[in-house]
Amino acid sequence: MKRLLSTFSLLLIFAVTASAQNFTGTFELNRYVVEDGNENQTGTLKLTVGSERIFLDAVGGVEPIEQFTNTSLNHALIRHDHRDIVLYGDDEKALKINNEEIEALVNMMDNLQQKVEEGQEHHAELEFNQTGEIRDIQGYQTEKWILDGGDGETYHVWLSDQLSINWGLLADDFIMKMAGAQNLPVQQWLQDNKTPLLVERYEGDTLAESMKIENISDGSVDQAKLDTPEGKQLVTVQELMMQRFQQQ
């Protein structure tokens, strides 16, 4: 069940359809482990959100795709206007993947690693329950949902409909499949313009781990971050594979 925190992280690294008043600005997605009552930050992801694009800084690597491409990728630019994702690191090449290629790549990885079957079996009987409990987080009103994960684990998810983000293709079916979330209400939350501002994992009555959206700054953004990276050679998955084969 610890995998569920990774599911929420993955949804934010890779994927709420557009509404009239979408958020533009910046925020951080921070992950914490709680030990002896103390929160220790174990990871952070900085997001710059525009009306048509999202830039993810210091992703820390997109491991499944890095393994496939043998390329370091620690930045991502999601381009809703092109229906693709540009992944790049410090070298001169940037990997451009459109939605059809992402879907094919996800299906291939699922077939090789049997992630689809594992995800369906793991989450088939899980249900989130809406509690009606309201809490203010980062200036946004949120409502609490609870999941009984079994084995003494519970997940508390605080959702807000006041932070509406255009995730574009990141909320598509195949992304949910890769995240193992196709049997959870996550996609419906996104389509209903609800954003999880806080996800907490409890072991019994003890908080063990959390994921938080923090340092939210609503307003103007650095447009350069939302532009295609200057000086990068955009290559497709097919071109990258051919280049690798030619080097062998």
Protein backbone atom coordinates (compact mmCIF):
# COMPACT_ATOMS: atom_id res chain seq x y z
CA MET A 1 0.00 0.00 0.00
CA LYS A 2 2.97 2.38 0.35
CA ARG A 3 2.86 2.43 -3.43
CA LEU A 4 -0.19 4.69 -3.27
CA LEU A 5 1.95 7.71 -2.29
CA SER A 6 4.02 7.05 -5.40
CA THR A 7 0.80 6.94 -7.40
CA PHE A 8 -0.10 10.48 -6.34
CA SER A 9 3.46 11.65 -6.99
CA LEU A 10 3.46 10.07 -10.43
CA LEU A 11 0.16 11.70 -11.32
CA LEU A 12 1.70 15.07 -10.57
CA ILE A 13 5.03 14.26 -12.30
CA PHE A 14 3.30 12.95 -15.45
CA ALA A 15 -0.33 14.33 -15.86
CA VAL A 16 -7.87 18.51 -13.84
CA THR A 17 -9.05 19.33 -17.37
CA ALA A 18 -9.20 23.03 -18.30
CA SER A 19 -11.78 25.23 -16.61
CA ALA A 20 -12.64 28.92 -16.89
CA GLN A 21 -10.30 29.96 -14.07
CA ASN A 22 -7.27 27.69 -14.14
CA PHE A 23 -4.38 28.31 -11.76
CA THR A 24 -1.21 29.87 -13.15
CA GLY A 25 1.83 30.26 -10.94
CA THR A 26 4.30 28.06 -9.08
CA PHE A 27 4.23 25.55 -6.25
CA GLU A 28 6.24 22.70 -4.76
CA LEU A 29 5.28 19.08 -4.27
CA ASN A 30 7.16 17.92 -1.17
CA ARG A 31 7.37 14.45 0.31
CA TYR A 32 8.07 13.72 3.98
CA VAL A 33 8.80 10.67 6.13
CA VAL A 34 7.84 10.94 9.79
CA GLU A 35 10.23 9.39 12.31
CA ASP A 36 9.85 9.77 16.07
CA GLY A 37 7.28 12.49 15.48
CA ASN A 38 9.63 14.53 13.28
CA GLU A 39 9.00 15.23 9.60
CA ASN A 40 12.01 14.66 7.36
CA GLN A 41 11.74 15.91 3.79
CA THR A 42 12.81 13.23 1.33
CA GLY A 43 12.02 14.84 -2.00
CA THR A 44 10.75 17.96 -3.73
CA LEU A 45 9.36 18.78 -7.14
CA LYS A 46 9.00 22.37 -8.33
CA LEU A 47 6.22 23.13 -10.81
CA THR A 48 5.70 26.19 -12.99
CA VAL A 49 2.12 26.19 -14.30
CA GLY A 50 0.89 28.21 -17.28
CA SER A 51 -2.39 28.16 -19.14
CA GLU A 52 -1.07 25.80 -21.84
CA ARG A 53 2.07 24.30 -20.35
CA ILE A 54 3.61 22.93 -17.14
CA PHE A 55 7.34 22.83 -16.35
CA LEU A 56 8.61 20.35 -13.76
CA ASP A 57 12.02 21.23 -12.35
CA ALA A 58 14.35 18.77 -10.63
CA VAL A 59 12.18 15.76 -11.31
CA GLY A 60 14.96 13.54 -10.01
CA GLY A 61 14.71 11.31 -13.05
CA VAL A 62 11.80 9.64 -14.81
CA GLU A 63 13.04 6.16 -14.01
CA PRO A 64 10.90 3.91 -16.27
CA ILE A 65 11.63 6.04 -19.35
CA GLU A 66 15.29 6.56 -18.39
CA GLN A 67 15.73 2.79 -18.22
CA PHE A 68 14.18 2.45 -21.64
CA THR A 69 16.08 5.30 -23.32
CA ASN A 70 19.33 5.06 -21.32
CA THR A 71 19.20 8.86 -21.05
CA SER A 72 19.25 11.10 -17.97
CA LEU A 73 15.99 13.07 -17.79
CA ASN A 74 15.44 15.38 -14.82
CA HIS A 75 13.28 18.15 -16.33
CA ALA A 76 9.90 17.87 -18.02
CA LEU A 77 7.86 20.31 -20.09
CA ILE A 78 4.24 19.28 -20.62
CA ARG A 79 2.93 21.07 -23.70
CA HIS A 80 -0.88 20.93 -23.83
CA ASP A 81 -0.83 22.93 -27.06
CA HIS A 82 1.26 20.20 -28.74
CA ARG A 83 -0.18 17.24 -26.81
CA ASP A 84 3.31 16.06 -25.91
CA ILE A 85 5.96 15.99 -23.17
CA VAL A 86 9.57 17.14 -23.62
CA LEU A 87 12.00 15.42 -21.24
CA TYR A 88 15.59 16.56 -20.93
CA GLY A 89 18.66 16.73 -18.73
CA ASP A 90 22.05 18.40 -19.06
CA ASP A 91 23.09 16.98 -22.44
CA GLU A 92 22.20 18.40 -25.84
CA LYS A 93 19.28 16.09 -26.56
CA ALA A 94 15.67 16.41 -25.42
CA LEU A 95 13.18 13.56 -25.79
CA LYS A 96 9.84 14.60 -27.30
CA ILE A 97 7.00 12.15 -26.71
CA ASN A 98 3.47 12.76 -28.00
CA ASN A 99 0.37 11.24 -26.44
CA GLU A 100 0.24 8.27 -28.84
CA GLU A 101 3.88 7.44 -28.16
CA ILE A 102 3.39 7.76 -24.40
CA GLU A 103 0.44 5.41 -24.56
CA ALA A 104 2.40 2.88 -26.60
CA LEU A 105 5.39 3.17 -24.27
CA VAL A 106 3.21 2.73 -21.19
CA ASN A 107 1.51 -0.32 -22.69
CA MET A 108 4.88 -1.84 -23.58
CA MET A 109 6.25 -1.31 -20.08
CA ASP A 110 3.03 -2.72 -18.61
CA ASN A 111 3.33 -5.84 -20.75
CA LEU A 112 6.99 -6.33 -19.86
CA GLN A 113 6.59 -5.72 -16.14
CA GLN A 114 2.93 -6.80 -15.73
CA LYS A 115 2.12 -3.53 -13.98
CA VAL A 116 -1.44 -3.45 -15.25
CA GLU A 117 -2.33 -6.79 -13.72
CA GLU A 118 -0.56 -5.99 -10.46
CA GLY A 119 -2.27 -2.62 -10.20
CA GLN A 120 -5.73 -4.05 -10.89
CA GLU A 121 -5.30 -6.81 -8.36
CA HIS A 122 -3.84 -4.45 -5.76
CA HIS A 123 -6.50 -1.73 -6.01
CA ALA A 124 -9.59 -3.63 -7.16
CA GLU A 125 -11.40 -3.57 -3.80
CA LEU A 126 -10.19 -0.20 -2.53
CA GLU A 127 -12.62 2.64 -1.96
CA PHE A 128 -12.15 6.20 -0.74
CA ASN A 129 -14.83 7.50 1.61
CA GLN A 130 -15.82 11.17 1.65
CA THR A 131 -15.93 12.39 5.26
CA GLY A 132 -17.35 15.91 4.96
CA GLU A 133 -14.57 17.20 7.24
CA ILE A 134 -13.33 20.61 6.08
CA ARG A 135 -9.87 22.10 6.66
CA ASP A 136 -7.97 25.15 5.41
CA ILE A 137 -4.61 24.24 3.82
CA GLN A 138 -2.33 26.84 2.23
CA GLY A 139 -5.29 29.23 2.08
CA TYR A 140 -7.51 26.76 0.19
CA GLN A 141 -10.57 24.99 1.56
CA THR A 142 -10.16 21.22 1.42
CA GLU A 143 -12.33 18.20 2.20
CA LYS A 144 -11.03 14.98 3.71
CA TRP A 145 -11.34 11.56 2.06
CA ILE A 146 -10.16 8.35 3.76
CA LEU A 147 -8.98 5.03 2.35
CA ASP A 148 -8.61 1.89 4.46
CA GLY A 149 -5.52 0.32 2.97
CA GLY A 150 -5.59 -2.85 5.05
CA ASP A 151 -2.92 -4.17 7.40
CA GLY A 152 -3.52 -1.22 9.71
CA GLU A 153 -2.75 1.40 7.04
CA THR A 154 -5.06 4.31 6.24
CA TYR A 155 -4.69 7.17 3.78
CA HIS A 156 -6.09 10.66 4.40
CA VAL A 157 -6.46 12.76 1.25
CA TRP A 158 -7.39 16.46 1.52
CA LEU A 159 -8.95 17.65 -1.75
CA SER A 160 -9.63 21.20 -2.88
CA ASP A 161 -11.77 22.43 -5.76
CA GLN A 162 -10.29 25.93 -5.35
CA LEU A 163 -6.94 25.03 -6.97
CA SER A 164 -7.86 24.15 -10.54
CA ILE A 165 -4.92 23.12 -12.73
CA ASN A 166 -4.94 22.23 -16.40
CA TRP A 167 -2.97 18.97 -16.41
CA GLY A 168 -3.73 18.26 -20.07
CA LEU A 169 -2.68 14.79 -21.19
CA LEU A 170 -1.42 14.01 -17.68
CA ALA A 171 -5.00 13.15 -16.72
CA ASP A 172 -5.50 10.77 -19.66
CA ASP A 173 -6.50 7.13 -19.22
CA PHE A 174 -3.09 5.65 -20.05
CA ILE A 175 -1.37 7.80 -17.42
CA MET A 176 -3.82 6.51 -14.83
CA LYS A 177 -3.05 3.00 -15.99
CA MET A 178 0.69 3.54 -15.56
CA ALA A 179 0.10 4.95 -12.08
CA GLY A 180 -2.07 1.98 -11.12
CA ALA A 181 -4.94 4.37 -10.39
CA GLN A 182 -7.53 3.14 -12.87
CA ASN A 183 -9.61 1.56 -10.08
CA LEU A 184 -9.37 4.60 -7.79
CA PRO A 185 -11.35 7.87 -8.01
CA VAL A 186 -8.21 9.89 -8.77
CA GLN A 187 -9.08 10.55 -12.41
CA GLN A 188 -12.59 11.65 -11.50
CA TRP A 189 -11.14 14.07 -8.94
CA LEU A 190 -8.97 15.58 -11.63
CA GLN A 191 -11.83 15.83 -14.09
CA ASP A 192 -13.95 17.49 -11.37
CA ASN A 193 -11.17 20.08 -10.84
CA LYS A 194 -10.20 18.73 -7.42
CA THR A 195 -6.53 18.80 -6.41
CA PRO A 196 -5.01 16.78 -3.53
CA LEU A 197 -3.17 19.37 -1.42
CA LEU A 198 -2.21 16.85 1.25
CA VAL A 199 -1.92 13.05 1.27
CA GLU A 200 -1.07 11.33 4.58
CA ARG A 201 -0.29 7.68 5.23
CA TYR A 202 -0.97 6.38 8.73
CA GLU A 203 0.22 3.16 10.32
CA GLY A 204 -2.40 2.62 12.97
CA ASP A 205 -2.81 6.02 14.62
CA THR A 206 0.72 7.13 13.74
CA LEU A 207 1.48 9.40 10.79
CA ALA A 208 4.23 7.69 8.79
CA GLU A 209 4.49 9.60 5.52
CA SER A 210 2.97 12.59 3.75
CA MET A 211 2.95 14.41 0.45
CA LYS A 212 2.15 18.14 0.42
CA ILE A 213 1.63 20.90 -2.11
CA GLU A 214 3.38 23.90 -0.55
CA ASN A 215 4.77 27.38 -1.30
CA ILE A 216 1.93 28.17 -3.69
CA SER A 217 2.44 31.43 -5.59
CA ASP A 218 -0.51 32.45 -7.76
CA GLY A 219 0.28 34.91 -10.53
CA SER A 220 2.90 35.59 -13.17
CA VAL A 221 5.46 32.93 -14.11
CA ASP A 222 8.87 32.84 -15.74
CA GLN A 223 7.81 32.34 -19.36
CA ALA A 224 11.24 31.04 -20.29
CA LYS A 225 10.57 27.91 -18.24
CA LEU A 226 7.50 27.20 -20.36
CA ASP A 227 9.34 27.56 -23.66
CA THR A 228 10.94 24.64 -25.47
CA PRO A 229 14.51 24.46 -24.09
CA GLU A 230 16.85 26.55 -26.20
CA GLY A 231 19.80 24.79 -27.75
CA LYS A 232 18.32 21.31 -27.29
CA GLN A 233 18.02 18.84 -30.13
CA LEU A 234 14.47 17.45 -30.01
CA VAL A 235 14.42 13.73 -30.82
CA THR A 236 11.56 11.25 -30.87
CA VAL A 237 11.57 7.83 -29.24
CA GLN A 238 12.03 6.19 -32.65
CA GLU A 239 14.97 8.46 -33.52
CA LEU A 240 16.59 7.83 -30.16
CA MET A 241 16.23 4.06 -30.59
CA MET A 242 17.74 4.21 -34.08
CA GLN A 243 20.68 6.26 -32.81
CA ARG A 244 21.28 3.72 -30.05
CA PHE A 245 21.16 0.81 -32.48
CA GLN A 246 23.61 2.54 -34.81
CA GLN A 247 26.05 3.03 -31.94
CA GLN A 248 26.04 -0.67 -31.10
